[in-house]
Protein backbone atom coordinates (compact mmCIF):
# COMPACT_ATOMS: atom_id res chain seq x y z
CA UNK A 1 105.10 187.74 -14.99
CA UNK A 2 103.84 184.94 -17.20
CA UNK A 3 100.72 183.37 -15.80
CA UNK A 4 100.04 181.39 -18.92
CA UNK A 5 102.98 179.00 -18.68
CA UNK A 6 101.43 175.51 -18.85
CA UNK A 7 103.92 174.02 -16.38
CA UNK A 8 103.23 176.59 -13.71
CA UNK A 9 99.46 176.46 -14.13
CA UNK A 10 99.43 172.65 -14.05
CA UNK A 11 101.70 172.56 -11.01
CA UNK A 12 99.51 174.95 -9.02
CA UNK A 13 96.36 173.08 -9.98
CA UNK A 14 97.88 169.75 -8.93
CA UNK A 15 99.11 171.28 -5.67
CA UNK A 16 95.66 172.53 -4.67
CA UNK A 17 94.11 169.25 -5.77
CA UNK A 18 96.42 167.35 -3.41
CA UNK A 19 95.87 169.83 -0.56
CA UNK A 20 92.11 169.53 -1.04
CA UNK A 21 92.21 165.74 -0.87
CA UNK A 22 94.21 165.97 2.37
CA UNK A 23 91.93 168.64 3.89
CA UNK A 24 88.79 166.60 3.09
CA UNK A 25 90.24 163.13 3.88
CA UNK A 26 88.85 160.45 3.72
CA UNK A 27 86.25 161.85 1.30
CA UNK A 28 88.09 160.79 -1.84
CA UNK A 29 87.92 157.14 -0.69
CA UNK A 30 84.21 157.41 0.20
CA UNK A 31 83.12 159.70 -2.58
CA UNK A 32 80.08 157.56 -3.39
CA UNK A 33 78.89 157.06 0.17
CA UNK A 34 79.74 160.01 2.44
CA UNK A 35 79.73 163.81 2.44
CA UNK A 36 81.51 166.52 4.45
CA UNK A 37 79.46 167.51 7.49
CA UNK A 38 79.28 168.14 11.21
CA UNK A 39 76.79 167.85 14.06
CA UNK A 40 74.17 170.22 12.62
CA UNK A 41 74.38 169.18 8.96
CA UNK A 42 70.90 168.89 7.44
CA UNK A 43 70.48 171.28 4.48
CA UNK A 44 72.76 169.21 2.21
CA UNK A 45 70.20 166.39 2.44
CA UNK A 46 67.72 168.51 0.47
CA UNK A 47 70.34 169.10 -2.22
CA UNK A 48 71.08 165.38 -2.39
CA UNK A 49 67.36 164.69 -2.68
CA UNK A 50 67.10 167.11 -5.63
CA UNK A 51 70.01 165.41 -7.44
CA UNK A 52 68.37 162.05 -6.75
CA UNK A 53 65.04 163.28 -8.17
CA UNK A 54 66.72 164.45 -11.38
CA UNK A 55 68.22 160.98 -11.81
CA UNK A 56 65.13 159.06 -10.66
CA UNK A 57 62.79 160.95 -12.98
CA UNK A 58 65.16 160.44 -15.92
CA UNK A 59 65.52 156.69 -15.35
CA UNK A 60 61.79 156.15 -14.81
CA UNK A 61 60.74 158.43 -17.69
CA UNK A 62 58.90 160.82 -15.34
CA UNK A 63 58.81 164.56 -16.14
CA UNK A 64 61.32 166.16 -13.77
CA UNK A 65 59.27 169.39 -13.78
CA UNK A 66 56.54 167.92 -11.57
CA UNK A 67 57.22 165.71 -8.55
CA UNK A 68 54.39 163.85 -6.84
CA UNK A 69 56.75 161.66 -4.83
CA UNK A 70 56.64 164.31 -2.11
CA UNK A 71 53.67 166.37 -0.90
CA UNK A 72 51.52 163.49 -2.17
CA UNK A 73 48.91 163.63 -3.70
CA UNK A 74 49.41 167.33 -4.57
CA UNK A 75 53.06 167.20 -5.63
CA UNK A 76 55.40 170.11 -6.30
CA UNK A 77 55.66 171.97 -9.59
CA UNK A 78 59.28 172.54 -10.64
CA UNK A 79 58.41 173.96 -14.07
CA UNK A 80 59.46 177.48 -13.08
CA UNK A 81 62.67 176.39 -11.40
CA UNK A 82 65.14 178.20 -13.63
CA UNK A 83 67.31 179.54 -10.82
CA UNK A 84 70.21 177.19 -11.61
CA UNK A 85 69.74 175.85 -15.15
CA UNK A 86 73.47 175.60 -15.86
CA UNK A 87 74.38 173.88 -12.63
CA UNK A 88 71.24 171.70 -12.51
CA UNK A 89 72.04 170.33 -15.97
CA UNK A 90 75.63 169.54 -15.01
CA UNK A 91 74.70 167.80 -11.77
CA UNK A 92 71.72 166.05 -13.33
CA UNK A 93 73.94 164.16 -15.74
CA UNK A 94 76.65 163.64 -13.13
CA UNK A 95 74.01 162.00 -10.93
CA UNK A 96 72.64 159.91 -13.81
CA UNK A 97 76.03 158.47 -14.72
CA UNK A 98 77.21 158.10 -11.11
CA UNK A 99 74.96 158.90 -8.13
CA UNK A 100 73.71 161.93 -6.23
CA UNK A 101 76.38 161.66 -3.51
CA UNK A 102 79.22 161.53 -6.04
CA UNK A 103 77.81 164.57 -7.88
CA UNK A 104 77.48 166.48 -4.62
CA UNK A 105 81.06 165.69 -3.56
CA UNK A 106 82.48 166.62 -6.95
CA UNK A 107 80.79 170.01 -6.58
CA UNK A 108 82.48 170.65 -3.22
CA UNK A 109 85.88 169.21 -4.10
CA UNK A 110 85.94 171.32 -7.27
CA UNK A 111 85.13 174.39 -5.21
CA UNK A 112 88.15 173.90 -2.95
CA UNK A 113 90.50 173.27 -5.87
CA UNK A 114 89.22 176.19 -7.97
CA UNK A 115 89.05 178.60 -5.01
CA UNK A 116 92.68 177.89 -4.20
CA UNK A 117 93.76 178.14 -7.83
CA UNK A 118 91.87 181.39 -8.51
CA UNK A 119 92.97 182.91 -5.19
CA UNK A 120 96.53 182.14 -6.26
CA UNK A 121 95.97 183.57 -9.75
CA UNK A 122 94.55 186.84 -8.41
CA UNK A 123 97.37 187.54 -5.98
CA UNK A 124 100.15 186.42 -8.34
CA UNK A 125 98.68 188.76 -10.93
CA UNK A 126 98.86 191.63 -8.42
CA UNK A 127 102.21 190.88 -6.75
CA UNK A 128 104.11 189.06 -9.50
CA UNK A 129 105.17 186.39 -7.00
CA UNK A 130 104.47 182.69 -7.47
CA UNK A 131 104.94 181.80 -3.78
CA UNK A 132 102.81 184.71 -2.55
CA UNK A 133 100.08 183.55 -4.90
CA UNK A 134 100.30 180.05 -3.37
CA UNK A 135 100.03 181.56 0.12
CA UNK A 136 96.95 183.58 -0.86
CA UNK A 137 95.29 180.62 -2.57
CA UNK A 138 95.98 178.45 0.48
CA UNK A 139 94.45 181.08 2.78
CA UNK A 140 91.37 181.64 0.61
CA UNK A 141 90.38 178.05 -0.05
CA UNK A 142 90.99 176.77 3.50
CA UNK A 143 89.15 179.56 5.26
CA UNK A 144 87.06 178.28 8.21
CA UNK A 145 84.14 179.98 6.44
CA UNK A 146 84.69 177.71 3.43
CA UNK A 147 84.72 174.56 5.53
CA UNK A 148 81.59 175.29 7.58
CA UNK A 149 79.68 176.26 4.45
CA UNK A 150 80.71 172.99 2.81
CA UNK A 151 79.31 171.18 5.85
CA UNK A 152 75.96 172.98 5.92
CA UNK A 153 75.27 175.36 2.99
CA UNK A 154 76.67 173.81 -0.21
CA UNK A 155 75.70 176.68 -2.54
CA UNK A 156 77.46 179.17 -0.23
CA UNK A 157 80.55 176.95 -0.24
CA UNK A 158 81.04 177.72 -3.94
CA UNK A 159 83.19 180.81 -3.40
CA UNK A 160 85.40 180.36 -6.47
CA UNK A 161 83.50 182.80 -8.69
CA UNK A 162 84.31 185.75 -6.42
CA UNK A 163 88.08 185.95 -7.15
CA UNK A 164 87.37 185.03 -10.77
CA UNK A 165 85.08 188.06 -11.20
CA UNK A 166 87.60 190.30 -9.41
CA UNK A 167 90.37 189.13 -11.75
CA UNK A 168 88.29 190.11 -14.79
CA UNK A 169 87.34 193.42 -13.17
CA UNK A 170 90.99 194.36 -12.63
CA UNK A 171 92.05 193.18 -16.09
CA UNK A 172 89.19 195.13 -17.66
CA UNK A 173 90.42 198.28 -15.96
CA UNK A 174 94.08 197.74 -16.83
CA UNK A 175 93.86 196.33 -20.35
CA UNK A 176 90.53 197.82 -21.49
CA UNK A 177 89.75 194.88 -23.75
CA UNK A 178 86.17 193.98 -24.66
CA UNK A 179 86.79 190.30 -23.91
CA UNK A 180 87.34 191.11 -20.23
CA UNK A 181 84.05 193.02 -20.13
CA UNK A 182 82.34 189.91 -21.51
CA UNK A 183 84.21 187.64 -19.07
CA UNK A 184 83.28 189.90 -16.13
CA UNK A 185 79.61 189.85 -17.14
CA UNK A 186 79.76 186.07 -17.57
CA UNK A 187 81.35 185.54 -14.13
CA UNK A 188 78.71 187.64 -12.36
CA UNK A 189 75.91 186.01 -14.36
CA UNK A 190 77.17 182.55 -13.40
CA UNK A 191 77.12 183.71 -9.80
CA UNK A 192 73.51 184.86 -10.25
CA UNK A 193 72.63 181.35 -11.45
CA UNK A 194 74.50 179.81 -8.54
CA UNK A 195 73.99 182.03 -5.50
CA UNK A 196 72.27 185.41 -5.60
CA UNK A 197 74.02 186.53 -2.40
CA UNK A 198 77.44 186.38 -3.99
CA UNK A 199 76.13 187.93 -7.21
CA UNK A 200 74.74 190.85 -5.19
CA UNK A 201 78.04 191.29 -3.36
CA UNK A 202 79.98 191.20 -6.64
CA UNK A 203 77.67 193.85 -8.03
CA UNK A 204 78.36 196.04 -4.97
CA UNK A 205 82.11 195.43 -5.34
CA UNK A 206 81.97 196.57 -8.97
CA UNK A 207 80.00 199.67 -7.99
CA UNK A 208 82.58 200.43 -5.30
CA UNK A 209 85.39 200.05 -7.85
CA UNK A 210 83.70 202.38 -10.33
CA UNK A 211 83.07 204.97 -7.59
CA UNK A 212 86.74 204.78 -6.58
CA UNK A 213 87.86 205.30 -10.18
CA UNK A 214 85.40 208.16 -10.57
CA UNK A 215 86.64 209.79 -7.35
CA UNK A 216 90.29 209.45 -8.38
CA UNK A 217 89.45 210.93 -11.79
CA UNK A 218 87.68 213.84 -10.14
CA UNK A 219 90.75 214.56 -7.99
CA UNK A 220 92.98 214.40 -11.05
CA UNK A 221 90.61 216.73 -12.90
CA UNK A 222 90.82 219.24 -10.05
CA UNK A 223 94.60 219.04 -10.34
CA UNK A 224 94.25 219.54 -14.10
CA UNK A 225 95.67 216.10 -14.86
CA UNK A 226 94.27 213.49 -17.29
CA UNK A 227 91.48 211.46 -15.61
CA UNK A 228 91.72 207.67 -15.42
CA UNK A 229 88.01 207.17 -16.13
CA UNK A 230 87.75 207.28 -19.91
CA UNK A 231 84.74 207.01 -22.21
CA UNK A 232 86.08 203.67 -23.44
CA UNK A 233 86.19 202.31 -19.89
CA UNK A 234 82.60 203.45 -19.28
CA UNK A 235 81.49 201.65 -22.45
CA UNK A 236 83.25 198.48 -21.33
CA UNK A 237 81.54 198.57 -17.93
CA UNK A 238 78.20 198.99 -19.73
CA UNK A 239 78.97 195.96 -21.91
CA UNK A 240 79.74 193.93 -18.78
CA UNK A 241 76.42 195.06 -17.28
CA UNK A 242 74.48 194.12 -20.42
CA UNK A 243 76.11 190.66 -20.57
CA UNK A 244 75.24 190.11 -16.90
CA UNK A 245 71.61 191.12 -17.36
CA UNK A 246 71.06 189.12 -20.55
CA UNK A 247 72.59 185.93 -19.13
CA UNK A 248 70.74 186.40 -15.83
CA UNK A 249 67.32 186.76 -17.48
CA UNK A 250 66.30 183.13 -16.80
CA UNK A 251 66.78 183.71 -13.06
CA UNK A 252 65.07 187.11 -13.15
CA UNK A 253 62.07 185.73 -15.05
CA UNK A 254 61.92 182.72 -12.76
CA UNK A 255 61.81 184.92 -9.68
CA UNK A 256 58.99 187.02 -11.13
CA UNK A 257 57.03 183.84 -11.86
CA UNK A 258 57.80 182.60 -8.39
CA UNK A 259 56.48 185.73 -6.67
CA UNK A 260 53.44 185.82 -8.97
CA UNK A 261 52.54 182.22 -8.11
CA UNK A 262 52.87 182.92 -4.40
CA UNK A 263 50.69 186.01 -4.58
CA UNK A 264 48.00 184.57 -6.86
CA UNK A 265 47.91 180.83 -6.20
CA UNK A 266 49.69 180.43 -2.91
CA UNK A 267 51.99 177.73 -4.29
CA UNK A 268 55.74 177.40 -4.53
CA UNK A 269 57.40 176.39 -7.76
CA UNK A 270 60.85 175.33 -6.73
CA UNK A 271 62.11 175.43 -3.17
CA UNK A 272 61.12 176.34 0.34
CA UNK A 273 61.66 180.07 0.13
CA UNK A 274 59.90 183.41 0.30
CA UNK A 275 60.37 186.64 -1.60
CA UNK A 276 60.42 188.69 1.61
CA UNK A 277 62.40 187.61 4.63
CA UNK A 278 61.61 188.82 8.16
CA UNK A 279 63.41 192.06 9.01
CA UNK A 280 64.48 190.49 12.33
CA UNK A 281 66.69 188.06 10.40
CA UNK A 282 69.00 190.95 9.58
CA UNK A 283 69.97 191.08 13.26
CA UNK A 284 70.34 187.35 13.93
CA UNK A 285 72.30 186.77 10.71
CA UNK A 286 74.69 189.69 10.72
CA UNK A 287 78.30 189.88 11.86
CA UNK A 288 79.01 190.50 15.54
CA UNK A 289 82.01 192.22 17.17
CA UNK A 290 83.91 188.94 17.71
CA UNK A 291 82.74 187.02 14.62
CA UNK A 292 85.81 188.03 12.60
CA UNK A 293 88.30 187.59 15.43
CA UNK A 294 87.56 184.25 17.12
CA UNK A 295 88.67 180.95 15.54
CA UNK A 296 86.15 178.44 14.27
CA UNK A 297 84.42 176.48 17.02
CA UNK A 298 85.54 173.37 15.09
CA UNK A 299 89.22 174.22 15.50
CA UNK A 300 90.71 171.39 17.62
CA UNK A 301 93.07 173.78 19.45
CA UNK A 302 91.11 177.02 19.95
CA UNK A 303 87.54 175.92 19.27
CA UNK A 304 86.55 175.34 22.91
CA UNK A 305 87.34 178.96 23.70
CA UNK A 306 85.06 180.16 20.90
CA UNK A 307 82.24 177.84 22.02
CA UNK A 308 82.05 179.86 25.23
CA UNK A 309 80.89 182.91 23.20
CA UNK A 310 78.42 181.17 20.86
CA UNK A 311 74.92 182.42 21.61
CA UNK A 312 76.19 185.74 22.99
CA UNK A 313 75.66 189.16 21.45
CA UNK A 314 79.41 189.44 21.04
CA UNK A 315 79.70 186.45 18.68
CA UNK A 316 76.26 185.37 17.46
CA UNK A 317 74.08 182.27 17.63
CA UNK A 318 75.13 180.22 14.61
CA UNK A 319 78.10 177.88 14.26
CA UNK A 320 77.78 178.36 10.51
CA UNK A 321 76.71 181.94 9.85
CA UNK A 322 79.05 183.51 12.41
CA UNK A 323 82.20 181.60 11.48
CA UNK A 324 83.86 184.60 9.83
CA UNK A 325 87.33 184.17 11.28
CA UNK A 326 89.95 186.11 9.35
CA UNK A 327 92.99 184.71 11.14
CA UNK A 328 95.32 186.84 13.21
CA UNK A 329 98.21 186.03 10.88
CA UNK A 330 96.30 187.56 7.97
CA UNK A 331 94.99 190.45 10.04
CA UNK A 332 98.49 191.45 11.14
CA UNK A 333 99.86 191.14 7.62
CA UNK A 334 96.94 193.17 6.21
CA UNK A 335 97.51 195.85 8.86
CA UNK A 336 101.17 196.06 7.81
CA UNK A 337 100.06 196.48 4.18
CA UNK A 338 97.75 199.31 5.26
CA UNK A 339 100.53 201.04 7.20
CA UNK A 340 103.07 200.56 4.39
CA UNK A 341 100.66 201.35 1.55
CA UNK A 342 102.74 204.32 0.40
CA UNK A 343 105.84 202.14 0.06
CA UNK A 344 103.82 199.42 -1.69
CA UNK A 345 102.31 201.90 -4.13
CA UNK A 346 105.66 203.46 -4.94
CA UNK A 347 107.21 200.04 -5.57
CA UNK A 348 104.17 198.67 -7.44
CA UNK A 349 102.98 201.69 -9.44
CA UNK A 350 101.00 199.60 -11.89
CA UNK A 351 99.00 198.04 -9.01
CA UNK A 352 98.70 201.07 -6.73
CA UNK A 353 94.99 201.38 -7.54
CA UNK A 354 94.46 197.73 -6.42
CA UNK A 355 95.91 198.43 -2.97
CA UNK A 356 93.43 201.28 -2.50
CA UNK A 357 90.58 199.18 -3.89
CA UNK A 358 91.09 196.25 -1.53
CA UNK A 359 91.44 198.56 1.48
CA UNK A 360 88.11 200.17 0.60
CA UNK A 361 86.63 196.75 -0.17
CA UNK A 362 87.46 195.48 3.32
CA UNK A 363 86.07 198.59 5.01
CA UNK A 364 82.90 198.74 2.91
CA UNK A 365 81.98 195.07 3.23
CA UNK A 366 82.75 195.02 6.94
CA UNK A 367 80.04 197.69 7.30
CA UNK A 368 77.74 195.81 4.91
CA UNK A 369 78.02 192.68 7.07
CA UNK A 370 76.80 194.55 10.16
CA UNK A 371 73.23 194.56 11.57
CA UNK A 372 70.74 197.18 10.31
CA UNK A 373 71.78 199.62 13.00
CA UNK A 374 74.05 200.13 15.97
CA UNK A 375 72.63 201.63 19.12
CA UNK A 376 75.07 204.07 20.64
CA UNK A 377 73.85 205.80 23.81
CA UNK A 378 70.26 205.39 22.61
CA UNK A 379 71.05 206.79 19.16
CA UNK A 380 70.52 204.58 16.08
CA UNK A 381 73.37 204.58 13.61
CA UNK A 382 72.00 202.93 10.47
CA UNK A 383 74.15 200.45 8.57
CA UNK A 384 73.96 199.59 4.81
CA UNK A 385 71.87 196.42 5.37
CA UNK A 386 68.98 198.56 6.63
CA UNK A 387 68.79 200.41 3.31
CA UNK A 388 69.47 197.36 1.13
CA UNK A 389 66.51 195.58 2.74
CA UNK A 390 64.19 198.33 1.49
CA UNK A 391 64.63 197.27 -2.14
CA UNK A 392 65.94 193.69 -1.72
CA UNK A 393 63.94 192.11 1.15
CA UNK A 394 64.80 188.55 0.05
CA UNK A 395 68.41 189.07 1.21
CA UNK A 396 68.66 188.67 4.96
CA UNK A 397 72.04 187.16 5.96
CA UNK A 398 74.50 190.03 5.53
CA UNK A 399 77.13 188.22 7.57
CA UNK A 400 77.76 186.37 4.28
CA UNK A 401 79.34 189.57 2.97
CA UNK A 402 82.22 188.52 5.19
CA UNK A 403 83.63 186.39 2.37
CA UNK A 404 84.46 189.60 0.46
CA UNK A 405 86.13 191.01 3.59
CA UNK A 406 88.18 187.81 3.77
CA UNK A 407 89.26 188.05 0.14
CA UNK A 408 90.29 191.68 0.65
CA UNK A 409 92.31 190.83 3.77
CA UNK A 410 94.03 187.97 1.93
CA UNK A 411 95.02 190.19 -1.02
CA UNK A 412 96.36 192.87 1.32
CA UNK A 413 98.26 190.13 3.19
CA UNK A 414 99.82 189.15 -0.12
CA UNK A 415 101.10 192.68 -0.63
CA UNK A 416 102.41 192.63 2.95
CA UNK A 417 104.31 189.38 2.34
CA UNK A 418 105.82 191.00 -0.74
CA UNK A 419 106.91 193.94 1.44
CA UNK A 420 108.62 191.63 3.95
CA UNK A 421 110.32 189.57 1.26
CA UNK A 422 111.64 192.78 -0.34
CA UNK A 423 113.04 193.88 3.02
CA UNK A 424 114.50 190.56 4.16
CA UNK A 425 116.61 189.99 1.01
CA UNK A 426 118.49 186.91 2.34
CA UNK A 427 116.99 183.77 0.74
CA UNK A 428 117.34 181.55 3.81
CA UNK A 429 115.61 184.11 6.01
CA UNK A 430 112.88 184.54 3.41
CA UNK A 431 112.25 180.79 3.55
CA UNK A 432 112.04 180.87 7.35
CA UNK A 433 109.55 183.74 7.16
CA UNK A 434 107.40 181.90 4.61
CA UNK A 435 107.45 178.67 6.63
CA UNK A 436 106.44 180.63 9.71
CA UNK A 437 103.40 182.32 8.16
CA UNK A 438 102.26 179.13 6.42
CA UNK A 439 102.54 177.25 9.73
CA UNK A 440 100.70 179.89 11.73
CA UNK A 441 97.90 180.02 9.18
CA UNK A 442 97.61 176.23 9.13
CA UNK A 443 97.23 176.14 12.93
CA UNK A 444 94.65 178.94 12.90
CA UNK A 445 92.55 177.33 10.15
CA UNK A 446 93.06 173.75 11.32
CA UNK A 447 90.26 171.22 11.38
CA UNK A 448 90.32 167.43 11.71
CA UNK A 449 88.91 166.29 8.34
CA UNK A 450 87.95 162.73 9.28
CA UNK A 451 85.82 164.14 12.11
CA UNK A 452 83.72 165.97 9.52
CA UNK A 453 82.69 163.08 7.32
CA UNK A 454 79.12 161.78 7.33
CA UNK A 455 78.62 158.19 6.20
CA UNK A 456 75.34 158.02 4.28
CA UNK A 457 75.74 154.50 2.95
CA UNK A 458 73.54 152.87 5.58
CA UNK A 459 69.89 153.75 6.08
CA UNK A 460 67.94 153.14 9.31
CA UNK A 461 66.33 149.71 9.32
CA UNK A 462 62.83 151.03 8.70
CA UNK A 463 63.87 152.52 5.34
CA UNK A 464 65.72 149.39 4.23
CA UNK A 465 62.58 147.40 5.04
CA UNK A 466 60.38 149.98 3.31
CA UNK A 467 62.43 149.68 0.12
CA UNK A 468 61.34 146.05 -0.16
CA UNK A 469 57.62 146.90 0.04
CA UNK A 470 55.38 147.20 -3.05
CA UNK A 471 56.62 149.81 -5.51
CA UNK A 472 53.36 151.81 -5.51
CA UNK A 473 53.22 152.17 -1.70
CA UNK A 474 52.47 155.59 -0.21
CA UNK A 475 53.80 156.51 3.24
CA UNK A 476 53.31 159.24 5.82
CA UNK A 477 56.03 160.02 8.36
CA UNK A 478 55.00 161.47 11.72
CA UNK A 479 55.41 163.97 13.26
CA UNK A 480 54.30 165.67 10.06
CA UNK A 481 56.70 168.33 8.79
CA UNK A 482 54.59 171.46 8.23
CA UNK A 483 57.22 174.19 8.72
CA UNK A 484 59.22 173.12 5.71
CA UNK A 485 60.49 169.84 4.26
CA UNK A 486 62.19 167.66 6.84
CA UNK A 487 65.69 167.03 5.42
CA UNK A 488 65.85 163.52 6.90
CA UNK A 489 62.50 162.55 5.40
CA UNK A 490 63.68 163.92 2.06
CA UNK A 491 67.04 162.21 2.05
CA UNK A 492 65.82 158.77 3.06
CA UNK A 493 63.34 158.82 0.23
CA UNK A 494 66.44 158.32 -1.93
CA UNK A 495 66.80 154.97 -0.14
CA UNK A 496 63.20 153.69 -0.12
CA UNK A 497 61.84 155.36 -3.32
CA UNK A 498 58.24 155.49 -2.06
CA UNK A 499 55.75 158.32 -2.45
CA UNK A 500 55.09 160.24 0.74
CA UNK A 501 52.72 162.93 1.95
CA UNK A 502 55.61 164.72 3.67
CA UNK A 503 57.84 167.58 2.53
CA UNK A 504 55.13 170.10 1.68
CA UNK A 505 56.22 173.65 0.92
CA UNK A 506 54.99 176.43 3.27
CA UNK A 507 52.38 178.54 1.51
CA UNK A 508 51.27 175.77 -0.85
CA UNK A 509 47.87 174.08 -0.97
CA UNK A 510 49.49 170.82 0.14
CA UNK A 511 50.95 172.57 3.18
CA UNK A 512 47.63 174.15 4.12
CA UNK A 513 46.01 170.71 4.08
CA UNK A 514 48.94 169.20 5.98
CA UNK A 515 48.46 171.73 8.79
CA UNK A 516 45.02 170.25 9.40
CA UNK A 517 46.54 166.76 9.70
CA UNK A 518 49.15 167.33 12.40
CA UNK A 519 47.33 165.18 14.96
CA UNK A 520 47.54 161.60 13.78
CA UNK A 521 45.24 160.54 16.63
CA UNK A 522 42.42 162.57 15.06
CA UNK A 523 40.08 160.21 13.10
CA UNK A 524 39.66 162.89 10.41
CA UNK A 525 43.43 162.75 9.75
CA UNK A 526 43.36 158.96 9.44
CA UNK A 527 40.35 159.06 7.09
CA UNK A 528 42.18 161.59 4.89
CA UNK A 529 45.32 159.42 4.79
CA UNK A 530 43.15 156.43 3.92
CA UNK A 531 41.52 158.37 1.06
CA UNK A 532 44.98 159.12 -0.29
CA UNK A 533 45.93 155.44 -0.24
CA UNK A 534 48.58 155.70 2.47
CA UNK A 535 49.77 152.16 3.18
CA UNK A 536 52.30 152.73 5.97
CA UNK A 537 52.54 155.35 8.71
CA UNK A 538 56.08 155.72 10.04
CA UNK A 539 56.00 156.95 13.64
CA UNK A 540 59.29 158.44 14.90
CA UNK A 541 59.06 157.93 18.65
CA UNK A 542 62.09 160.03 19.56
CA UNK A 543 60.61 163.08 17.87
CA UNK A 544 57.59 162.82 20.15
CA UNK A 545 59.65 162.46 23.30
CA UNK A 546 62.70 164.66 22.73
CA UNK A 547 60.72 167.89 23.18
CA UNK A 548 59.65 166.72 26.66
CA UNK A 549 56.30 168.41 26.08
CA UNK A 550 53.40 166.74 27.86
CA UNK A 551 51.14 167.40 24.86
CA UNK A 552 53.47 165.43 22.58
CA UNK A 553 53.68 162.50 25.00
CA UNK A 554 49.89 162.47 25.28
CA UNK A 555 49.53 162.57 21.48
CA UNK A 556 51.86 159.57 21.17
CA UNK A 557 49.74 157.65 23.67
CA UNK A 558 46.53 158.53 21.81
CA UNK A 559 48.05 157.32 18.51
CA UNK A 560 49.00 153.99 20.06
CA UNK A 561 45.47 153.56 21.43
CA UNK A 562 43.68 154.67 18.25
CA UNK A 563 40.83 152.40 17.10
CA UNK A 564 41.64 153.25 13.49
CA UNK A 565 45.30 152.23 13.42
CA UNK A 566 46.93 148.83 13.62
CA UNK A 567 50.48 148.35 14.91
CA UNK A 568 52.45 146.61 12.15
CA UNK A 569 56.21 146.57 12.80
CA UNK A 570 58.80 147.77 15.29
CA UNK A 571 62.26 149.29 14.64
CA UNK A 572 64.65 151.21 16.92
CA UNK A 573 62.83 154.46 17.84
CA UNK A 574 60.29 153.78 15.09
CA UNK A 575 56.91 152.09 14.96
CA UNK A 576 55.05 151.31 11.73
CA UNK A 577 51.24 151.45 11.64
CA UNK A 578 48.63 150.63 9.05
CA UNK A 579 45.11 151.97 8.75
CA UNK A 580 42.42 149.45 9.75
């Protein structure tokens, strides 16, 4: 098998590029003005705001490490934000030379292309089959999990580093070359810089692999046969660990600074986050019995059936977190691989260890994705997440370990397809079989791409008007966001470019002050806004009425009747006030 043939590599890359453009249509034609999304999309707006700030600060010669355009007049200190130095630098300059929406879309489009390509590379490396590699890459990159993450959690949509790290892990074991130890360390370190969840899961996968090799060596030692775990291999794993740690130091140091600032000053340095998440989150954001087995709620054929279970204990509450669908086509194929593992090992002796590894990977990470405990007849059976939380309380959403389960199922499916192709023999029947599994998988993973495209080119009228106001204007949007930055307030600042008192970070001094200013009808709040030089107060009427709380309706009436505010301008669902 020659994976390094330029023609083959180029062809596969072009194929997944074309498939990505089809699966995300019409994004490529609106790459500067829209993003992938669905009805609950909001978190991407904060990412877009960050890209905008990097560009805005550069163009206006403002230090990007301190932003007083939000949480005014306190601002937010970004000087310790070293969590993503590699990626932030790339997207900073992408935003500068294009715009924040283009940079964001390039990030997601690249993820789909690279995930498909690297999924292909991994499975072709293991099976020796070009077409099986294409099947695996197709399955991995167009997982429902991948789509919903691209609509809501952009950093979690970047799943391409997982198969890349696994490729280097397997090559390190087989070839025992120092370069693969360095590449493995680099891949995990890049994941640390990008998303600590996936870095943690890759670390666990490596530990599982080493334990499997150690166990197999122990069995061979008992049988008085040469062990497969050599001193050289141990040294190479140590080199990979050292490379990971050294390259991850900026993130490690940043997190220590972050926690220190929270504990000593009560301020946040980078993003709305905490070092310890509530233990209860481990239950709400863990896999449920049906999470892996029901299609995405966004599937146009089967989605309505899944919607019936959303919010139940059987499936879970979240459209995003609990979309872990593996696909029955893949599940059946993986089951066949499990049943025929002896045949597959005998016919693929050089990859027999990989079949065992991916079986154990699926089992282990399925347990890792579970809640902290199961209650069986009143007895608590503790799951891995309970123990992980003891030393890593910042990690709360263990359902995200499902992406490793998915990769394992896909690899096992690849071995199963190889088994069927070996058995079928006749070329025409092989083609029919391949068409059938590709078609079934397409139906199971289907989504309507143009229904998941958010046009961000037009801002509400109030923000277009606000953009034309004096450059040094300061605004306050009400209701005030005190439980974390309001993504809409953040994003539309990219349109009007005015300083605002909103978007304070929980735990910061700005947030503590903001909590005393929730009632705009209170004269003390208005006096404080006046002291800060607030020129316009943007009142979102729908946010006061949608809750249907009497207290909110009464507050709105008090604001309108305040002796200290003057009505200034009216927009749909928005009123603008100035301080008398």
